[in-house]
Amino acid sequence: RNKMKFRFCGELDAPDWVLKEIELVTKISAVRVRLLAKEVIAYLLTGSIDFDKVLRDTAAANLGRSGVKAVVAVLTFIINNGAKYDVEPETFAKELQQLGLPKEHSDGLVKSYSESKQTLREKLHSEVLKLHKLESVSWRVDYILASTNVNNANTPVVQLALNVSGTPAQPLPPHQQDDTKPVPQQYAFELTVDKFRALLSELQVARNMMDTLPTASAAAQQQEASTG
């Protein structure tokens, strides 16, 4: 296969797994593909999907549960990347047809995409700098009375544990999910007194710098004042 560049792939060739799963998409009617695209878009915006409904909507294609998951995964990739790279609907439809998707299917999918493109881009923009959330911090101070290392004897050490939200910044495709809820991940480490003091000092400096930054509302008021 000759290498081709696609806008929705960031001007790169489409991954081989995408080509493989598109063959499954062609087995579903164009009308169902458009409905499925709407379900995927809702999933990208909310992080949840009614997979039982998706199974019912695709039952006629006889793809099986794993096949339907593969279809949802490839549509998630396609639609999310289309919004990510701001692909125009006309270009998007042509690229999907070049990958083997029938025109009727690509037109229906792109129609659903174009109706929600701006909302999808706003969602992506809001998550660009989204970090994992620090749920809690626990600590304790241990005092080493004896050690094989003489230099460590009779010295305090700080035990820190950071509990960080396990929810990913971007929803995972259904085929990568399980039925369990994300749980916080714990990162535990040990600090000497000197290192702990250095860490605390750096965090205080960072906090002071953040306090000097204007809030979004304050920045908006300043902008209105300057334009007024």
C-alpha atoms as a PDB file:
ATOM      1  CA  ARG A   1       0.000   0.000   0.000  1.00  0.00           C
ATOM      2  CA  ASN A   2       1.313   3.443  -0.991  1.00  0.00           C
ATOM      3  CA  LYS A   3       1.780   5.818   1.894  1.00  0.00           C
ATOM      4  CA  MET A   4      -0.735   8.672   1.904  1.00  0.00           C
ATOM      5  CA  LYS A   5      -1.093  11.728   4.080  1.00  0.00           C
ATOM      6  CA  PHE A   6      -4.402  12.508   5.737  1.00  0.00           C
ATOM      7  CA  ARG A   7      -5.427  15.723   7.446  1.00  0.00           C
ATOM      8  CA  PHE A   8      -7.313  13.876  10.165  1.00  0.00           C
ATOM      9  CA  CYS A   9      -4.117  11.909  10.930  1.00  0.00           C
ATOM     10  CA  GLY A  10      -2.013  15.042  11.314  1.00  0.00           C
ATOM     11  CA  GLU A  11      -0.676  14.839   7.737  1.00  0.00           C
ATOM     12  CA  LEU A  12       0.499  11.266   8.350  1.00  0.00           C
ATOM     13  CA  ASP A  13      -0.573   7.932   6.926  1.00  0.00           C
ATOM     14  CA  ALA A  14      -3.574   6.257   8.545  1.00  0.00           C
ATOM     15  CA  PRO A  15      -2.689   3.515  11.064  1.00  0.00           C
ATOM     16  CA  ASP A  16      -3.107  -0.027   9.749  1.00  0.00           C
ATOM     17  CA  TRP A  17      -5.631  -0.881  12.487  1.00  0.00           C
ATOM     18  CA  VAL A  18      -7.874   1.956  11.260  1.00  0.00           C
ATOM     19  CA  LEU A  19      -7.921   0.478   7.749  1.00  0.00           C
ATOM     20  CA  LYS A  20      -8.777  -2.919   9.174  1.00  0.00           C
ATOM     21  CA  GLU A  21     -11.666  -1.678  11.325  1.00  0.00           C
ATOM     22  CA  ILE A  22     -13.102   0.480   8.532  1.00  0.00           C
ATOM     23  CA  GLU A  23     -13.897  -2.783   6.748  1.00  0.00           C
ATOM     24  CA  LEU A  24     -16.217  -3.573   9.661  1.00  0.00           C
ATOM     25  CA  VAL A  25     -17.853  -0.144   9.409  1.00  0.00           C
ATOM     26  CA  THR A  26     -18.795  -0.857   5.781  1.00  0.00           C
ATOM     27  CA  LYS A  27     -20.895  -3.828   6.951  1.00  0.00           C
ATOM     28  CA  ILE A  28     -23.224  -1.479   8.827  1.00  0.00           C
ATOM     29  CA  SER A  29     -25.862   0.472   6.915  1.00  0.00           C
ATOM     30  CA  ALA A  30     -25.127   4.144   6.214  1.00  0.00           C
ATOM     31  CA  VAL A  31     -28.111   5.203   8.310  1.00  0.00           C
ATOM     32  CA  ARG A  32     -26.851   3.196  11.289  1.00  0.00           C
ATOM     33  CA  VAL A  33     -23.341   4.582  10.845  1.00  0.00           C
ATOM     34  CA  ARG A  34     -24.666   8.111  11.138  1.00  0.00           C
ATOM     35  CA  LEU A  35     -26.585   7.197  14.299  1.00  0.00           C
ATOM     36  CA  LEU A  36     -23.505   5.457  15.659  1.00  0.00           C
ATOM     37  CA  ALA A  37     -21.441   8.563  14.927  1.00  0.00           C
ATOM     38  CA  LYS A  38     -23.856  10.564  17.085  1.00  0.00           C
ATOM     39  CA  GLU A  39     -23.394   8.080  19.937  1.00  0.00           C
ATOM     40  CA  VAL A  40     -19.608   8.361  19.622  1.00  0.00           C
ATOM     41  CA  ILE A  41     -19.765  12.156  19.604  1.00  0.00           C
ATOM     42  CA  ALA A  42     -21.883  12.085  22.764  1.00  0.00           C
ATOM     43  CA  TYR A  43     -19.294   9.747  24.277  1.00  0.00           C
ATOM     44  CA  LEU A  44     -16.454  12.131  23.410  1.00  0.00           C
ATOM     45  CA  LEU A  45     -18.347  15.009  25.008  1.00  0.00           C
ATOM     46  CA  THR A  46     -19.588  13.255  28.145  1.00  0.00           C
ATOM     47  CA  GLY A  47     -17.244  10.309  28.652  1.00  0.00           C
ATOM     48  CA  SER A  48     -20.082   7.767  28.741  1.00  0.00           C
ATOM     49  CA  ILE A  49     -21.814   5.621  26.140  1.00  0.00           C
ATOM     50  CA  ASP A  50     -24.843   3.335  26.166  1.00  0.00           C
ATOM     51  CA  PHE A  51     -23.112   0.276  24.740  1.00  0.00           C
ATOM     52  CA  ASP A  52     -26.235  -1.885  24.968  1.00  0.00           C
ATOM     53  CA  LYS A  53     -28.006   0.595  22.684  1.00  0.00           C
ATOM     54  CA  VAL A  54     -25.064   0.500  20.291  1.00  0.00           C
ATOM     55  CA  LEU A  55     -25.283  -3.306  20.218  1.00  0.00           C
ATOM     56  CA  ARG A  56     -28.985  -3.133  19.390  1.00  0.00           C
ATOM     57  CA  ASP A  57     -28.419  -0.535  16.652  1.00  0.00           C
ATOM     58  CA  THR A  58     -25.752  -2.688  14.982  1.00  0.00           C
ATOM     59  CA  ALA A  59     -27.369  -6.100  15.520  1.00  0.00           C
ATOM     60  CA  ALA A  60     -28.273  -6.495  11.834  1.00  0.00           C
ATOM     61  CA  ALA A  61     -24.575  -6.429  10.848  1.00  0.00           C
ATOM     62  CA  ASN A  62     -23.834  -9.523  12.989  1.00  0.00           C
ATOM     63  CA  LEU A  63     -20.457  -8.164  14.083  1.00  0.00           C
ATOM     64  CA  GLY A  64     -20.528  -9.596  17.574  1.00  0.00           C
ATOM     65  CA  ARG A  65     -19.615  -7.693  20.719  1.00  0.00           C
ATOM     66  CA  SER A  66     -15.891  -7.478  19.906  1.00  0.00           C
ATOM     67  CA  GLY A  67     -16.629  -6.326  16.367  1.00  0.00           C
ATOM     68  CA  VAL A  68     -18.925  -3.561  17.598  1.00  0.00           C
ATOM     69  CA  LYS A  69     -16.282  -2.447  20.086  1.00  0.00           C
ATOM     70  CA  ALA A  70     -13.783  -2.235  17.235  1.00  0.00           C
ATOM     71  CA  VAL A  71     -16.207  -0.122  15.189  1.00  0.00           C
ATOM     72  CA  VAL A  72     -16.786   2.244  18.114  1.00  0.00           C
ATOM     73  CA  ALA A  73     -13.027   2.494  18.644  1.00  0.00           C
ATOM     74  CA  VAL A  74     -12.273   3.410  15.031  1.00  0.00           C
ATOM     75  CA  LEU A  75     -15.136   5.934  14.842  1.00  0.00           C
ATOM     76  CA  THR A  76     -13.902   7.466  18.099  1.00  0.00           C
ATOM     77  CA  PHE A  77     -10.419   7.808  16.605  1.00  0.00           C
ATOM     78  CA  ILE A  78     -11.696   9.253  13.332  1.00  0.00           C
ATOM     79  CA  ILE A  79     -14.112  11.793  14.800  1.00  0.00           C
ATOM     80  CA  ASN A  80     -11.821  12.871  17.614  1.00  0.00           C
ATOM     81  CA  ASN A  81      -8.909  13.385  15.214  1.00  0.00           C
ATOM     82  CA  GLY A  82     -11.108  15.241  12.744  1.00  0.00           C
ATOM     83  CA  ALA A  83     -11.968  17.770  15.433  1.00  0.00           C
ATOM     84  CA  LYS A  84      -8.414  17.812  16.780  1.00  0.00           C
ATOM     85  CA  TYR A  85      -6.925  18.754  13.413  1.00  0.00           C
ATOM     86  CA  ASP A  86      -9.863  21.013  12.459  1.00  0.00           C
ATOM     87  CA  VAL A  87     -10.599  19.091   9.266  1.00  0.00           C
ATOM     88  CA  GLU A  88     -13.179  20.658   6.984  1.00  0.00           C
ATOM     89  CA  PRO A  89     -16.177  18.388   6.252  1.00  0.00           C
ATOM     90  CA  GLU A  90     -15.558  18.223   2.491  1.00  0.00           C
ATOM     91  CA  THR A  91     -11.912  17.211   2.991  1.00  0.00           C
ATOM     92  CA  PHE A  92     -12.895  14.785   5.732  1.00  0.00           C
ATOM     93  CA  ALA A  93     -15.420  12.994   3.505  1.00  0.00           C
ATOM     94  CA  LYS A  94     -12.883  12.625   0.684  1.00  0.00           C
ATOM     95  CA  GLU A  95     -10.245  11.203   3.015  1.00  0.00           C
ATOM     96  CA  LEU A  96     -12.640   8.654   4.484  1.00  0.00           C
ATOM     97  CA  GLN A  97     -13.586   7.527   0.988  1.00  0.00           C
ATOM     98  CA  GLN A  98      -9.893   7.166   0.137  1.00  0.00           C
ATOM     99  CA  LEU A  99      -9.630   4.796   3.100  1.00  0.00           C
ATOM    100  CA  GLY A 100     -12.384   2.615   1.657  1.00  0.00           C
ATOM    101  CA  LEU A 101     -15.532   3.961   3.304  1.00  0.00           C
ATOM    102  CA  PRO A 102     -18.440   4.170   0.815  1.00  0.00           C
ATOM    103  CA  LYS A 103     -19.593   7.692  -0.080  1.00  0.00           C
ATOM    104  CA  GLU A 104     -22.994   7.240   1.537  1.00  0.00           C
ATOM    105  CA  HIS A 105     -21.353   6.127   4.772  1.00  0.00           C
ATOM    106  CA  SER A 106     -18.739   8.873   4.797  1.00  0.00           C
ATOM    107  CA  ASP A 107     -21.320  11.564   4.013  1.00  0.00           C
ATOM    108  CA  GLY A 108     -23.523  10.448   6.918  1.00  0.00           C
ATOM    109  CA  LEU A 109     -20.616  10.255   9.340  1.00  0.00           C
ATOM    110  CA  VAL A 110     -19.269  13.652   8.302  1.00  0.00           C
ATOM    111  CA  LYS A 111     -22.715  15.224   8.580  1.00  0.00           C
ATOM    112  CA  SER A 112     -22.905  14.195  12.248  1.00  0.00           C
ATOM    113  CA  TYR A 113     -19.313  15.383  12.697  1.00  0.00           C
ATOM    114  CA  SER A 114     -19.921  18.788  11.129  1.00  0.00           C
ATOM    115  CA  GLU A 115     -22.982  19.384  13.319  1.00  0.00           C
ATOM    116  CA  SER A 116     -20.878  18.924  16.465  1.00  0.00           C
ATOM    117  CA  LYS A 117     -17.424  19.957  15.260  1.00  0.00           C
ATOM    118  CA  GLN A 118     -17.284  23.247  17.145  1.00  0.00           C
ATOM    119  CA  THR A 119     -18.499  21.677  20.382  1.00  0.00           C
ATOM    120  CA  LEU A 120     -15.937  18.900  20.044  1.00  0.00           C
ATOM    121  CA  ARG A 121     -13.135  21.416  19.486  1.00  0.00           C
ATOM    122  CA  GLU A 122     -14.192  23.404  22.536  1.00  0.00           C
ATOM    123  CA  LYS A 123     -14.127  20.188  24.566  1.00  0.00           C
ATOM    124  CA  LEU A 124     -10.649  19.332  23.305  1.00  0.00           C
ATOM    125  CA  HIS A 125      -9.429  22.865  24.007  1.00  0.00           C
ATOM    126  CA  SER A 126     -10.673  22.685  27.602  1.00  0.00           C
ATOM    127  CA  GLU A 127      -8.630  19.510  28.137  1.00  0.00           C
ATOM    128  CA  VAL A 128      -5.336  20.658  26.617  1.00  0.00           C
ATOM    129  CA  LEU A 129      -3.845  21.648  29.970  1.00  0.00           C
ATOM    130  CA  LYS A 130      -5.976  19.399  32.131  1.00  0.00           C
ATOM    131  CA  LEU A 131      -3.904  17.579  34.741  1.00  0.00           C
ATOM    132  CA  HIS A 132      -4.656  14.704  37.048  1.00  0.00           C
ATOM    133  CA  LYS A 133      -6.287  15.900  40.240  1.00  0.00           C
ATOM    134  CA  LEU A 134      -4.517  15.608  43.576  1.00  0.00           C
ATOM    135  CA  GLU A 135      -7.098  13.926  45.773  1.00  0.00           C
ATOM    136  CA  SER A 136      -5.231  13.882  49.087  1.00  0.00           C
ATOM    137  CA  VAL A 137      -1.828  13.964  50.762  1.00  0.00           C
ATOM    138  CA  SER A 138      -0.759  11.867  53.727  1.00  0.00           C
ATOM    139  CA  TRP A 139       2.512  12.088  55.608  1.00  0.00           C
ATOM    140  CA  ARG A 140       4.382  10.998  58.669  1.00  0.00           C
ATOM    141  CA  VAL A 141       7.814  11.533  60.203  1.00  0.00           C
ATOM    142  CA  ASP A 142       9.917   8.499  61.078  1.00  0.00           C
ATOM    143  CA  TYR A 143      12.946   8.688  63.309  1.00  0.00           C
ATOM    144  CA  ILE A 144      15.750   6.277  62.480  1.00  0.00           C
ATOM    145  CA  LEU A 145      17.294   4.993  65.695  1.00  0.00           C
ATOM    146  CA  ALA A 146      19.712   2.563  64.092  1.00  0.00           C
ATOM    147  CA  SER A 147      20.899   1.762  60.573  1.00  0.00           C
ATOM    148  CA  THR A 148      23.620  -0.160  58.756  1.00  0.00           C
ATOM    149  CA  ASN A 149      24.572   3.257  57.407  1.00  0.00           C
ATOM    150  CA  VAL A 150      26.048   5.192  60.343  1.00  0.00           C
ATOM    151  CA  ASN A 151      25.212   8.512  58.706  1.00  0.00           C
ATOM    152  CA  ASN A 152      21.492   7.649  58.724  1.00  0.00           C
ATOM    153  CA  ALA A 153      21.270   6.843  62.425  1.00  0.00           C
ATOM    154  CA  ASN A 154      19.402   9.202  64.763  1.00  0.00           C
ATOM    155  CA  THR A 155      17.918  11.208  61.869  1.00  0.00           C
ATOM    156  CA  PRO A 156      14.278  11.953  60.985  1.00  0.00           C
ATOM    157  CA  VAL A 157      12.835  11.173  57.527  1.00  0.00           C
ATOM    158  CA  VAL A 158       9.544  12.293  56.019  1.00  0.00           C
ATOM    159  CA  GLN A 159       7.222   9.748  54.399  1.00  0.00           C
ATOM    160  CA  LEU A 160       4.906  11.361  51.803  1.00  0.00           C
ATOM    161  CA  ALA A 161       2.048   9.722  49.912  1.00  0.00           C
ATOM    162  CA  LEU A 162       0.198  11.554  47.121  1.00  0.00           C
ATOM    163  CA  ASN A 163      -3.170  10.181  46.032  1.00  0.00           C
ATOM    164  CA  VAL A 164      -3.785  11.272  42.439  1.00  0.00           C
ATOM    165  CA  SER A 165      -7.018  10.839  40.520  1.00  0.00           C
ATOM    166  CA  GLY A 166      -6.829   7.878  38.168  1.00  0.00           C
ATOM    167  CA  THR A 167      -9.315   9.409  35.683  1.00  0.00           C
ATOM    168  CA  PRO A 168      -7.549  10.042  32.339  1.00  0.00           C
ATOM    169  CA  ALA A 169      -7.574  13.534  30.842  1.00  0.00           C
ATOM    170  CA  GLN A 170      -9.271  12.139  27.742  1.00  0.00           C
ATOM    171  CA  PRO A 171     -11.866   9.326  27.784  1.00  0.00           C
ATOM    172  CA  LEU A 172     -10.550   5.941  26.684  1.00  0.00           C
ATOM    173  CA  PRO A 173     -12.237   4.092  23.819  1.00  0.00           C
ATOM    174  CA  PRO A 174     -14.737   1.486  25.044  1.00  0.00           C
ATOM    175  CA  HIS A 175     -12.451  -1.414  24.029  1.00  0.00           C
ATOM    176  CA  GLN A 176      -9.867  -0.123  26.510  1.00  0.00           C
ATOM    177  CA  GLN A 177     -12.278   0.303  29.385  1.00  0.00           C
ATOM    178  CA  ASP A 178     -13.389  -2.158  32.028  1.00  0.00           C
ATOM    179  CA  ASP A 179     -16.371  -2.164  34.308  1.00  0.00           C
ATOM    180  CA  THR A 180     -14.521  -0.754  37.319  1.00  0.00           C
ATOM    181  CA  LYS A 181     -14.494   2.886  38.327  1.00  0.00           C
ATOM    182  CA  PRO A 182     -11.129   4.693  38.149  1.00  0.00           C
ATOM    183  CA  VAL A 183      -9.427   4.719  41.527  1.00  0.00           C
ATOM    184  CA  PRO A 184      -6.828   7.181  42.795  1.00  0.00           C
ATOM    185  CA  GLN A 185      -3.244   6.082  42.310  1.00  0.00           C
ATOM    186  CA  GLN A 186      -0.822   6.517  45.183  1.00  0.00           C
ATOM    187  CA  TYR A 187       2.735   7.755  44.788  1.00  0.00           C
ATOM    188  CA  ALA A 188       4.728   7.233  47.972  1.00  0.00           C
ATOM    189  CA  PHE A 189       8.286   8.350  48.579  1.00  0.00           C
ATOM    190  CA  GLU A 190      10.740   9.179  51.346  1.00  0.00           C
ATOM    191  CA  LEU A 191      12.514  12.510  51.897  1.00  0.00           C
ATOM    192  CA  THR A 192      15.310  13.585  54.150  1.00  0.00           C
ATOM    193  CA  VAL A 193      14.643  16.666  56.253  1.00  0.00           C
ATOM    194  CA  ASP A 194      16.778  18.835  53.961  1.00  0.00           C
ATOM    195  CA  LYS A 195      15.016  17.621  50.815  1.00  0.00           C
ATOM    196  CA  PHE A 196      11.620  18.111  52.440  1.00  0.00           C
ATOM    197  CA  ARG A 197      12.503  21.693  53.387  1.00  0.00           C
ATOM    198  CA  ALA A 198      13.662  22.347  49.820  1.00  0.00           C
ATOM    199  CA  LEU A 199      10.422  20.868  48.428  1.00  0.00           C
ATOM    200  CA  LEU A 200       8.293  22.921  50.814  1.00  0.00           C
ATOM    201  CA  SER A 201      10.174  26.110  49.907  1.00  0.00           C
ATOM    202  CA  GLU A 202       9.734  25.502  46.169  1.00  0.00           C
ATOM    203  CA  LEU A 203       6.025  24.781  46.587  1.00  0.00           C
ATOM    204  CA  GLN A 204       5.586  28.002  48.584  1.00  0.00           C
ATOM    205  CA  VAL A 205       7.341  29.974  45.835  1.00  0.00           C
ATOM    206  CA  ALA A 206       5.088  28.355  43.211  1.00  0.00           C
ATOM    207  CA  ARG A 207       1.988  29.126  45.297  1.00  0.00           C
ATOM    208  CA  ASN A 208       3.024  32.776  45.681  1.00  0.00           C
ATOM    209  CA  MET A 209       3.534  33.044  41.912  1.00  0.00           C
ATOM    210  CA  MET A 210       0.074  31.564  41.295  1.00  0.00           C
ATOM    211  CA  ASP A 211      -1.483  34.039  43.733  1.00  0.00           C
ATOM    212  CA  THR A 212      -0.101  36.927  41.667  1.00  0.00           C
ATOM    213  CA  LEU A 213      -1.777  35.679  38.479  1.00  0.00           C
ATOM    214  CA  PRO A 214      -5.103  37.341  37.653  1.00  0.00           C
ATOM    215  CA  THR A 215      -8.211  35.184  37.697  1.00  0.00           C
ATOM    216  CA  ALA A 216     -10.212  34.670  34.509  1.00  0.00           C
ATOM    217  CA  SER A 217     -12.874  37.146  35.657  1.00  0.00           C
ATOM    218  CA  ALA A 218     -10.263  39.749  36.601  1.00  0.00           C
ATOM    219  CA  ALA A 219      -8.568  39.356  33.239  1.00  0.00           C
ATOM    220  CA  ALA A 220     -11.905  39.812  31.472  1.00  0.00           C
ATOM    221  CA  GLN A 221     -12.599  42.982  33.466  1.00  0.00           C
ATOM    222  CA  GLN A 222      -9.166  44.347  32.589  1.00  0.00           C
ATOM    223  CA  GLN A 223      -9.784  43.605  28.920  1.00  0.00           C
ATOM    224  CA  GLU A 224     -13.170  45.355  29.027  1.00  0.00           C
ATOM    225  CA  ALA A 225     -11.614  48.368  30.737  1.00  0.00           C
ATOM    226  CA  SER A 226      -8.856  48.620  28.126  1.00  0.00           C
ATOM    227  CA  THR A 227     -11.280  48.325  25.202  1.00  0.00           C
ATOM    228  CA  GLY A 228     -13.774  50.674  26.829  1.00  0.00           C
END
